[in-house]
Amino acid sequence: MSILHYKLRIIPKVLHFKQPAGTSRGIYTLRKCWYLHLTSEEEPGRIGIGECAPLPNLSCDDLPDYEKILEQSCRKVEREGTLDTESLRPYPSILFGLETAFRHYERNSFALWETPFSRGEKGIPINGLIWMGDYRKMLEQIEKKMQAGFRCIKLKIGAINFDEELALLRHIRAHFSAKEVELRVDANGAFPPTDAMDKLKRLAELDLHSIEQPIRAGQWEEMARLTASTPLPIALDEELIGCNTVEGKKALISAIHPQYIILKPSLHGGVSGGNEWIAEAGLQGIGWWITSALESNIGLNAIAQWCATFENSLPQGLGTGALFTDNIEMPLEIRKDCLWYNV
């Protein structure tokens, strides 16, 4: 088999949110990412496009010298003619961008894996995301999602008064039962460990599906106490960031034993690292779903294509394609509460 001489071009891009996106860590108005453009001398007609998009103040590879590390990683691929996933474990967003650029190059198509989704035969169920805001703004968002036909709604909580957030959830439950609409909440670590259990009990009264990251990451003992006796299933998200080895993943899941883990390839190890998390979760009887991390449509498509390779019937967190004014055009479309790839 002949060795290909790859070339990688790095293209920085700043995306602009249509509306400010509120989380407990602050409000996003801009999103910086780097596209990777992969070619080879031997196959001039083929290209591969990937996206590297670390989240500021959250990703383990959100580093001051990120662009230098990205440049070095691309030059290493050019020198060696292959992708060294082991050396990129500490840099999940770079690993994800390179893995998916290679996948696109090899397939010669944005249909990165052969699935019913990539053939346009089947959609992926997704949740409707409600951004933080005041009571009125959040209620408006909820009503729009309901009208659009979403059967799973995810609310980011922790920004406004907890009683107001409960009132929003009660408003939904007054009109829709748990069978009609599944409710998820994401606290982004906003609850203090001292009163987290009390809040979980109050939320559980509203028949919710789960809560993401109720307390700040890095408090394994406190989180394990919560998962052991919670009335509401707990899903880990930020907790997984920086846990980049197979041994570390086993240790974390064994110690905390959450009900679910949430996988974001840009944050949690790329595609290869995500596969490791899923394998370990399966061994330990832990549920999971996959979520984008505010990538543009290049990254979102890659995540959706990968997600479709699994038979997971839970709604996934892939409804972020319409967030930006200047997104990249891709054949992705939300119909009711499913994401479709239009062939």
Protein backbone atom coordinates (compact mmCIF):
# COMPACT_ATOMS: atom_id res chain seq x y z
CA MET A 1 0.00 0.00 0.00
CA SER A 2 1.51 3.32 -1.03
CA ILE A 3 2.11 6.04 1.56
CA LEU A 4 0.10 9.20 1.02
CA HIS A 5 1.73 12.60 1.46
CA TYR A 6 -0.88 14.60 3.33
CA LYS A 7 -1.23 18.35 3.55
CA LEU A 8 -3.27 20.03 6.29
CA ARG A 9 -4.41 23.63 6.10
CA ILE A 10 -5.79 25.32 9.24
CA ILE A 11 -8.62 27.81 8.69
CA PRO A 12 -9.67 29.87 11.74
CA LYS A 13 -13.32 30.96 11.92
CA VAL A 14 -15.38 33.08 14.32
CA LEU A 15 -19.09 32.23 14.41
CA HIS A 16 -21.76 34.63 15.66
CA PHE A 17 -24.73 33.50 17.74
CA LYS A 18 -28.14 34.65 16.50
CA GLN A 19 -29.16 35.18 20.13
CA PRO A 20 -26.86 35.35 23.18
CA ALA A 21 -26.59 31.79 24.55
CA GLY A 22 -26.89 31.80 28.35
CA THR A 23 -25.30 29.12 30.53
CA SER A 24 -24.36 29.09 34.21
CA ARG A 25 -20.78 29.83 33.10
CA GLY A 26 -21.77 33.01 31.30
CA ILE A 27 -23.23 34.17 28.01
CA TYR A 28 -21.80 33.25 24.60
CA THR A 29 -22.12 35.70 21.70
CA LEU A 30 -19.15 34.44 19.62
CA ARG A 31 -17.73 30.97 18.96
CA LYS A 32 -14.19 30.43 17.71
CA CYS A 33 -13.24 27.28 15.82
CA TRP A 34 -10.56 26.02 13.44
CA TYR A 35 -11.35 24.03 10.30
CA LEU A 36 -8.85 21.48 9.05
CA HIS A 37 -8.56 21.00 5.26
CA LEU A 38 -6.87 17.68 4.45
CA THR A 39 -5.51 16.84 0.98
CA SER A 40 -2.80 14.61 -0.49
CA GLU A 41 -0.48 14.88 -3.48
CA GLU A 42 -1.44 11.38 -4.65
CA GLU A 43 -5.21 11.93 -4.70
CA PRO A 44 -5.72 15.58 -5.73
CA GLY A 45 -9.49 15.21 -6.10
CA ARG A 46 -10.08 14.17 -2.48
CA ILE A 47 -10.44 16.42 0.54
CA GLY A 48 -11.24 15.93 4.20
CA ILE A 49 -12.74 18.63 6.41
CA GLY A 50 -12.71 18.52 10.21
CA GLU A 51 -13.51 21.02 12.95
CA CYS A 52 -11.57 21.79 16.13
CA ALA A 53 -13.71 23.74 18.58
CA PRO A 54 -12.59 23.81 22.23
CA LEU A 55 -15.03 25.53 24.59
CA PRO A 56 -13.54 28.55 26.41
CA ASN A 57 -12.99 28.03 30.15
CA LEU A 58 -14.27 24.45 29.93
CA SER A 59 -12.32 22.22 27.52
CA CYS A 60 -9.19 20.59 28.94
CA ASP A 61 -7.38 21.74 25.79
CA ASP A 62 -8.54 25.37 26.00
CA LEU A 63 -4.92 26.49 26.32
CA PRO A 64 -3.10 29.79 25.64
CA ASP A 65 -0.89 28.06 23.04
CA TYR A 66 -3.77 26.10 21.44
CA GLU A 67 -3.03 27.32 17.91
CA LYS A 68 0.64 26.35 18.27
CA ILE A 69 -0.32 22.83 19.47
CA LEU A 70 -2.80 22.51 16.61
CA GLU A 71 -0.14 23.59 14.10
CA GLN A 72 2.37 21.09 15.53
CA SER A 73 -0.21 18.29 15.47
CA CYS A 74 -0.98 18.94 11.80
CA ARG A 75 2.69 19.08 10.84
CA LYS A 76 3.26 15.75 12.68
CA VAL A 77 0.50 14.14 10.57
CA GLU A 78 2.17 15.50 7.42
CA ARG A 79 5.59 14.14 8.47
CA GLU A 80 4.39 10.71 9.57
CA GLY A 81 1.56 10.21 7.09
CA THR A 82 -0.75 8.89 9.80
CA LEU A 83 -2.80 10.03 12.81
CA ASP A 84 -1.30 9.22 16.23
CA THR A 85 -4.40 9.17 18.44
CA GLU A 86 -2.44 8.25 21.60
CA SER A 87 -0.33 11.42 21.51
CA LEU A 88 -3.49 13.52 21.07
CA ARG A 89 -5.37 12.17 24.12
CA PRO A 90 -4.72 15.43 26.07
CA TYR A 91 -6.21 17.47 23.18
CA PRO A 92 -9.70 16.05 22.46
CA SER A 93 -10.89 18.87 20.20
CA ILE A 94 -7.78 18.54 18.00
CA LEU A 95 -8.14 14.75 17.95
CA PHE A 96 -11.80 15.06 16.94
CA GLY A 97 -11.01 17.52 14.15
CA LEU A 98 -8.27 15.30 12.72
CA GLU A 99 -10.21 12.03 13.12
CA THR A 100 -13.21 13.43 11.29
CA ALA A 101 -11.10 15.10 8.58
CA PHE A 102 -9.53 11.71 7.87
CA ARG A 103 -12.94 10.03 7.95
CA HIS A 104 -14.29 12.55 5.44
CA TYR A 105 -11.20 12.07 3.25
CA GLU A 106 -11.50 8.26 3.30
CA ARG A 107 -15.25 8.24 2.60
CA ASN A 108 -15.03 11.11 0.10
CA SER A 109 -18.39 12.20 1.50
CA PHE A 110 -19.90 13.99 4.53
CA ALA A 111 -21.89 10.77 5.07
CA LEU A 112 -19.04 9.63 7.31
CA TRP A 113 -20.40 6.17 8.18
CA GLU A 114 -22.80 3.91 6.30
CA THR A 115 -26.07 4.05 8.28
CA PRO A 116 -29.80 4.57 7.64
CA PHE A 117 -29.21 8.17 8.84
CA SER A 118 -26.43 8.79 6.30
CA ARG A 119 -28.66 7.38 3.55
CA GLY A 120 -31.47 9.76 4.51
CA GLU A 121 -33.75 6.88 5.55
CA LYS A 122 -33.96 7.59 9.28
CA GLY A 123 -33.76 10.62 11.57
CA ILE A 124 -32.05 10.85 14.97
CA PRO A 125 -34.43 11.81 17.82
CA ILE A 126 -33.14 14.98 19.52
CA ASN A 127 -34.06 17.13 22.49
CA GLY A 128 -35.22 20.74 22.22
CA LEU A 129 -32.75 22.98 24.07
CA ILE A 130 -33.99 25.85 26.25
CA TRP A 131 -31.31 28.44 26.99
CA MET A 132 -31.07 30.29 30.28
CA GLY A 133 -32.86 33.58 30.54
CA ASP A 134 -35.53 35.25 32.59
CA TYR A 135 -38.82 33.44 33.24
CA ARG A 136 -40.65 35.04 30.30
CA LYS A 137 -37.87 34.33 27.76
CA MET A 138 -37.55 30.72 28.86
CA LEU A 139 -41.32 30.23 28.73
CA GLU A 140 -41.41 31.63 25.16
CA GLN A 141 -38.68 29.18 24.11
CA ILE A 142 -40.51 26.26 25.72
CA GLU A 143 -43.78 27.06 23.95
CA LYS A 144 -41.98 27.32 20.57
CA LYS A 145 -40.35 23.91 21.06
CA MET A 146 -43.69 22.35 22.03
CA GLN A 147 -45.36 23.80 18.93
CA ALA A 148 -42.51 22.46 16.77
CA GLY A 149 -43.30 18.94 17.99
CA PHE A 150 -40.46 18.19 20.41
CA ARG A 151 -41.15 15.33 22.82
CA CYS A 152 -37.98 15.85 24.87
CA ILE A 153 -37.11 19.28 26.28
CA LYS A 154 -33.83 20.14 28.00
CA LEU A 155 -33.66 23.22 30.22
CA LYS A 156 -30.48 24.80 31.46
CA ILE A 157 -31.08 25.76 35.08
CA GLY A 158 -29.07 27.53 37.77
CA ALA A 159 -29.22 31.09 36.42
CA ILE A 160 -32.55 32.36 37.77
CA ASN A 161 -34.27 31.77 41.11
CA PHE A 162 -34.72 28.02 41.72
CA ASP A 163 -38.41 28.49 42.60
CA GLU A 164 -38.95 30.26 39.24
CA GLU A 165 -37.26 27.36 37.47
CA LEU A 166 -39.55 24.94 39.30
CA ALA A 167 -42.51 27.07 38.20
CA LEU A 168 -41.39 26.76 34.54
CA LEU A 169 -41.20 22.98 34.90
CA ARG A 170 -44.61 22.91 36.60
CA HIS A 171 -46.02 24.95 33.72
CA ILE A 172 -44.89 22.25 31.26
CA ARG A 173 -46.17 19.44 33.47
CA ALA A 174 -49.56 21.16 33.82
CA HIS A 175 -49.99 20.79 30.06
CA PHE A 176 -47.96 17.68 29.22
CA SER A 177 -47.49 14.44 31.14
CA ALA A 178 -44.12 12.63 31.35
CA LYS A 179 -45.40 10.22 28.68
CA GLU A 180 -46.09 13.14 26.33
CA VAL A 181 -42.94 15.21 27.00
CA GLU A 182 -39.68 14.03 28.53
CA LEU A 183 -37.98 16.74 30.60
CA ARG A 184 -34.25 16.96 31.23
CA VAL A 185 -32.48 19.67 33.19
CA ASP A 186 -28.83 20.70 33.14
CA ALA A 187 -27.48 22.46 36.21
CA ASN A 188 -23.92 22.83 34.85
CA GLY A 189 -22.66 22.23 38.40
CA ALA A 190 -24.67 25.10 39.88
CA PHE A 191 -25.96 23.37 43.08
CA PRO A 192 -23.89 23.50 46.29
CA PRO A 193 -23.35 19.93 47.61
CA THR A 194 -25.01 20.91 50.92
CA ASP A 195 -28.48 21.43 49.42
CA ALA A 196 -28.19 19.44 46.18
CA MET A 197 -30.21 16.47 47.49
CA ASP A 198 -33.06 18.75 48.60
CA LYS A 199 -33.17 20.30 45.11
CA LEU A 200 -33.07 16.84 43.49
CA LYS A 201 -36.07 15.76 45.59
CA ARG A 202 -38.06 18.83 44.58
CA LEU A 203 -37.20 18.33 40.91
CA ALA A 204 -38.06 14.62 41.07
CA GLU A 205 -41.65 15.52 42.05
CA LEU A 206 -42.06 16.86 38.51
CA ASP A 207 -41.40 13.53 36.81
CA LEU A 208 -38.14 14.52 35.11
CA HIS A 209 -36.02 12.16 33.04
CA SER A 210 -32.65 13.26 34.46
CA ILE A 211 -30.41 16.07 35.66
CA GLU A 212 -26.99 16.81 34.21
CA GLN A 213 -24.08 17.65 36.50
CA PRO A 214 -25.99 18.85 39.61
CA ILE A 215 -22.78 19.81 41.46
CA ARG A 216 -19.44 21.14 40.27
CA ALA A 217 -17.09 18.58 38.67
CA GLY A 218 -14.19 17.16 40.67
CA GLN A 219 -16.16 16.27 43.81
CA TRP A 220 -16.25 12.50 43.26
CA GLU A 221 -17.23 11.51 46.81
CA GLU A 222 -20.09 14.02 47.02
CA MET A 223 -21.28 13.09 43.53
CA ALA A 224 -21.12 9.37 44.37
CA ARG A 225 -23.25 10.00 47.49
CA LEU A 226 -25.83 11.75 45.31
CA THR A 227 -25.93 9.08 42.60
CA ALA A 228 -26.30 6.35 45.24
CA SER A 229 -29.51 7.77 46.71
CA THR A 230 -30.90 10.28 44.21
CA PRO A 231 -34.63 10.18 43.41
CA LEU A 232 -33.75 11.65 39.99
CA PRO A 233 -31.28 9.99 37.56
CA ILE A 234 -27.98 11.89 37.35
CA ALA A 235 -26.02 12.32 34.10
CA LEU A 236 -22.34 13.32 34.15
CA ASP A 237 -21.05 15.83 31.63
CA GLU A 238 -18.34 18.25 32.83
CA GLU A 239 -17.14 15.47 35.15
CA LEU A 240 -15.74 13.60 32.13
CA ILE A 241 -13.57 16.51 30.92
CA GLY A 242 -9.85 15.82 31.23
CA CYS A 243 -10.39 12.11 31.90
CA ASN A 244 -8.57 11.01 28.75
CA THR A 245 -7.17 7.52 29.48
CA VAL A 246 -9.01 4.19 29.47
CA GLU A 247 -7.92 3.60 33.08
CA GLY A 248 -9.19 7.04 34.12
CA LYS A 249 -12.57 6.41 32.48
CA LYS A 250 -12.95 3.08 34.28
CA ALA A 251 -11.98 4.67 37.60
CA LEU A 252 -14.41 7.59 37.24
CA ILE A 253 -17.42 5.47 36.27
CA SER A 254 -16.64 2.90 38.99
CA ALA A 255 -16.24 5.55 41.70
CA ILE A 256 -19.31 7.65 40.91
CA HIS A 257 -21.53 5.10 39.13
CA PRO A 258 -23.89 7.66 37.60
CA GLN A 259 -27.15 6.70 35.93
CA TYR A 260 -25.98 8.27 32.64
CA ILE A 261 -22.96 9.85 30.98
CA ILE A 262 -23.20 12.48 28.23
CA LEU A 263 -20.61 12.38 25.48
CA LYS A 264 -19.30 15.41 23.63
CA PRO A 265 -16.50 14.31 21.29
CA SER A 266 -14.83 17.76 21.23
CA LEU A 267 -14.54 17.66 25.04
CA HIS A 268 -14.42 13.98 25.92
CA GLY A 269 -11.84 12.36 23.69
CA GLY A 270 -12.92 12.66 20.08
CA VAL A 271 -14.54 9.69 18.32
CA SER A 272 -12.00 7.15 19.64
CA GLY A 273 -12.33 8.42 23.22
CA GLY A 274 -16.11 8.49 22.91
CA ASN A 275 -16.06 4.84 21.83
CA GLU A 276 -14.03 4.03 24.96
CA TRP A 277 -16.56 5.81 27.20
CA ILE A 278 -19.44 3.93 25.56
CA ALA A 279 -17.69 0.56 25.92
CA GLU A 280 -16.98 1.16 29.61
CA ALA A 281 -20.50 2.45 30.27
CA GLY A 282 -21.85 -0.75 28.68
CA LEU A 283 -19.69 -2.92 30.93
CA GLN A 284 -20.89 -1.08 34.05
CA GLY A 285 -24.57 -0.82 33.08
CA ILE A 286 -24.56 2.94 32.63
CA GLY A 287 -26.79 4.70 30.08
CA TRP A 288 -25.50 7.39 27.74
CA TRP A 289 -26.34 9.83 25.00
CA ILE A 290 -24.34 12.06 22.67
CA THR A 291 -24.39 15.85 22.50
CA SER A 292 -22.74 18.50 20.37
CA ALA A 293 -20.74 21.25 22.09
CA LEU A 294 -21.71 24.32 20.05
CA GLU A 295 -19.72 23.29 17.00
CA SER A 296 -20.62 24.62 13.56
CA ASN A 297 -22.44 22.31 11.14
CA ILE A 298 -19.13 20.66 10.15
CA GLY A 299 -18.60 19.31 13.66
CA LEU A 300 -22.32 18.77 14.26
CA ASN A 301 -22.62 16.62 11.14
CA ALA A 302 -19.60 14.53 12.16
CA ILE A 303 -21.08 13.96 15.63
CA ALA A 304 -24.48 13.04 14.19
CA GLN A 305 -22.93 10.64 11.66
CA TRP A 306 -20.98 8.92 14.46
CA CYS A 307 -24.01 8.89 16.76
CA ALA A 308 -26.04 7.11 14.08
CA THR A 309 -23.65 4.13 14.18
CA PHE A 310 -25.13 3.16 17.57
CA GLU A 311 -28.59 1.83 18.27
CA ASN A 312 -29.49 4.28 21.02
CA SER A 313 -33.17 5.22 21.13
CA LEU A 314 -32.74 8.08 23.64
CA PRO A 315 -33.11 11.63 22.29
CA GLN A 316 -29.64 13.01 21.56
CA GLY A 317 -28.39 16.59 22.04
CA LEU A 318 -27.88 17.48 18.38
CA GLY A 319 -30.25 20.39 17.84
CA THR A 320 -27.64 23.17 17.73
CA GLY A 321 -27.33 23.66 13.96
CA ALA A 322 -29.42 26.84 13.79
CA LEU A 323 -27.58 28.79 16.50
CA PHE A 324 -25.26 30.85 14.29
CA THR A 325 -25.85 33.59 11.72
CA ASP A 326 -22.84 32.46 9.67
CA ASN A 327 -22.88 28.67 9.92
CA ILE A 328 -21.49 26.39 7.21
CA GLU A 329 -24.17 24.97 4.92
CA MET A 330 -24.68 21.23 5.42
CA PRO A 331 -27.54 18.89 4.40
CA LEU A 332 -28.83 18.68 7.97
CA GLU A 333 -32.47 19.44 8.76
CA ILE A 334 -34.62 19.28 11.87
CA ARG A 335 -38.07 17.84 11.17
CA LYS A 336 -40.30 17.89 14.24
CA ASP A 337 -38.05 16.32 16.90
CA CYS A 338 -35.55 14.49 14.67
CA LEU A 339 -32.35 15.49 12.91
CA TRP A 340 -32.17 14.30 9.30
CA TYR A 341 -29.36 14.10 6.77
CA ASN A 342 -30.74 15.04 3.36
CA VAL A 343 -29.09 12.97 0.63
